[in-house]
């Protein structure tokens, strides 16, 4: 199974900064990290996209965080980070890491050649609270 472990959440004053990190781990070989991203869910609201980064390092941001948040990835370390600056009270939410990756199922299936299997996975979330 794939585990995503987020860290870096906390309490910060408006205008401050936080850096979130997410580490993907699994006992199976990871062939590709296809999409890595962050979503957030504020109390009483639906989960929404914050930012995503693709294998080619193209990025996509929600309009509300453009020019304030920066997403980055390290394929070798299997991490995705979200640098958040100029935080606002409306950024308060639980932030979830989301990763689409491809693992090699060959060992489980006793095959000699790679057997790619692509799935999406969610982290458990880290709370970011921005006080006014």
Protein backbone atom coordinates (compact mmCIF):
# COMPACT_ATOMS: atom_id res chain seq x y z
CA UNK A 1 0.00 0.00 0.00
CA UNK A 2 1.07 3.58 -0.58
CA UNK A 3 1.34 5.99 2.32
CA UNK A 4 1.42 9.76 2.06
CA UNK A 5 2.66 11.57 5.14
CA UNK A 6 2.09 15.32 5.36
CA UNK A 7 3.89 17.70 7.66
CA UNK A 8 4.32 21.43 8.18
CA UNK A 9 0.85 22.55 9.20
CA UNK A 10 0.25 24.78 12.18
CA UNK A 11 -0.94 28.13 13.46
CA UNK A 12 0.30 31.32 11.84
CA UNK A 13 -0.74 34.96 11.83
CA UNK A 14 -2.15 36.59 8.73
CA UNK A 15 0.66 37.60 6.42
CA UNK A 16 2.88 34.80 7.63
CA UNK A 17 4.28 31.78 5.82
CA UNK A 18 4.20 28.02 6.14
CA UNK A 19 5.75 25.20 4.15
CA UNK A 20 3.90 21.92 3.77
CA UNK A 21 5.63 18.73 2.80
CA UNK A 22 4.31 15.34 1.69
CA UNK A 23 6.36 12.16 1.44
CA UNK A 24 5.17 9.17 -0.58
CA UNK A 25 6.30 5.74 0.54
CA UNK A 26 5.53 2.19 -0.48
CA UNK A 27 7.15 -1.21 -0.35
CA UNK A 28 6.70 -1.56 -4.11
CA UNK A 29 8.96 0.08 -6.69
CA UNK A 30 7.57 3.41 -7.89
CA UNK A 31 7.86 3.66 -11.65
CA UNK A 32 6.42 7.16 -12.00
CA UNK A 33 5.09 10.02 -9.96
CA UNK A 34 2.46 11.18 -12.42
CA UNK A 35 0.67 13.96 -10.58
CA UNK A 36 1.35 15.49 -7.18
CA UNK A 37 -0.79 18.09 -5.58
CA UNK A 38 -2.50 19.71 -2.64
CA UNK A 39 -6.17 20.12 -1.88
CA UNK A 40 -7.80 21.78 1.10
CA UNK A 41 -11.07 21.58 2.95
CA UNK A 42 -12.32 24.35 5.18
CA UNK A 43 -15.01 23.70 7.81
CA UNK A 44 -18.39 23.34 6.18
CA UNK A 45 -16.98 23.52 2.67
CA UNK A 46 -16.11 21.07 -0.06
CA UNK A 47 -12.57 19.95 -0.72
CA UNK A 48 -10.97 22.15 -3.34
CA UNK A 49 -7.85 22.07 -5.46
CA UNK A 50 -4.99 24.27 -4.29
CA UNK A 51 -2.16 23.36 -6.64
CA UNK A 52 -0.86 20.50 -8.76
CA UNK A 53 2.45 19.72 -10.40
CA UNK A 54 2.99 17.22 -13.22
CA UNK A 55 5.90 15.04 -14.28
CA UNK A 56 7.03 17.73 -16.72
CA UNK A 57 6.92 20.25 -13.84
CA UNK A 58 3.96 22.11 -15.29
CA UNK A 59 1.89 23.57 -12.49
CA UNK A 60 -1.69 24.58 -11.90
CA UNK A 61 -2.98 26.83 -9.12
CA UNK A 62 -6.34 27.87 -7.78
CA UNK A 63 -6.95 31.55 -8.54
CA UNK A 64 -7.17 32.32 -4.83
CA UNK A 65 -3.57 31.23 -4.17
CA UNK A 66 -1.79 32.39 -7.32
CA UNK A 67 1.29 34.50 -6.63
CA UNK A 68 1.15 33.49 -2.94
CA UNK A 69 1.68 29.71 -3.01
CA UNK A 70 4.36 27.72 -4.83
CA UNK A 71 4.28 23.99 -5.41
CA UNK A 72 7.43 21.98 -6.04
CA UNK A 73 8.40 18.33 -6.26
CA UNK A 74 11.47 16.15 -5.83
CA UNK A 75 11.09 12.91 -7.76
CA UNK A 76 14.12 11.29 -6.22
CA UNK A 77 12.95 11.97 -2.67
CA UNK A 78 9.29 11.32 -3.65
CA UNK A 79 8.16 14.53 -2.03
CA UNK A 80 5.90 17.40 -2.94
CA UNK A 81 6.00 20.70 -1.09
CA UNK A 82 3.76 23.72 -0.90
CA UNK A 83 5.33 27.03 0.09
CA UNK A 84 2.59 29.32 1.34
CA UNK A 85 3.23 33.03 1.80
CA UNK A 86 1.08 36.03 2.69
CA UNK A 87 -1.40 33.69 4.34
CA UNK A 88 -4.93 34.89 4.93
CA UNK A 89 -7.58 33.76 7.42
CA UNK A 90 -9.55 32.30 4.51
CA UNK A 91 -6.63 29.92 3.86
CA UNK A 92 -7.52 28.14 7.11
CA UNK A 93 -8.28 24.52 6.24
CA UNK A 94 -7.08 20.97 6.42
CA UNK A 95 -4.60 20.52 3.58
CA UNK A 96 -4.45 17.14 1.87
CA UNK A 97 -1.69 15.76 -0.26
CA UNK A 98 -2.82 13.91 -3.38
CA UNK A 99 -0.54 11.81 -5.54
CA UNK A 100 -1.15 9.78 -8.68
CA UNK A 101 1.66 7.32 -9.07
CA UNK A 102 2.54 4.16 -10.90
CA UNK A 103 3.95 1.20 -9.00
CA UNK A 104 5.46 -2.00 -10.33
CA UNK A 105 3.36 -5.01 -9.43
CA UNK A 106 5.76 -7.53 -10.98
CA UNK A 107 7.00 -8.91 -7.68
CA UNK A 108 3.49 -9.51 -6.35
CA UNK A 109 2.46 -11.14 -9.61
CA UNK A 110 5.71 -13.09 -9.97
CA UNK A 111 6.36 -11.59 -13.37
CA UNK A 112 9.75 -11.00 -14.91
CA UNK A 113 8.86 -7.71 -16.55
CA UNK A 114 7.44 -4.57 -14.95
CA UNK A 115 3.68 -4.54 -14.46
CA UNK A 116 2.66 -0.89 -14.08
CA UNK A 117 -0.32 -0.04 -11.91
CA UNK A 118 -1.50 3.56 -11.66
CA UNK A 119 -3.64 4.82 -8.79
CA UNK A 120 -4.40 7.98 -6.87
CA UNK A 121 -3.79 8.29 -3.13
CA UNK A 122 -4.69 10.77 -0.42
CA UNK A 123 -2.85 11.79 2.69
CA UNK A 124 -4.65 12.15 5.99
CA UNK A 125 -4.31 15.92 6.02
CA UNK A 126 -2.55 18.60 8.01
CA UNK A 127 -4.31 21.53 9.63
CA UNK A 128 -3.35 25.08 8.71
CA UNK A 129 -4.87 27.82 10.85
CA UNK A 130 -4.37 31.48 9.97
CA UNK A 131 -5.35 33.98 12.64
CA UNK A 132 -6.38 37.53 11.84
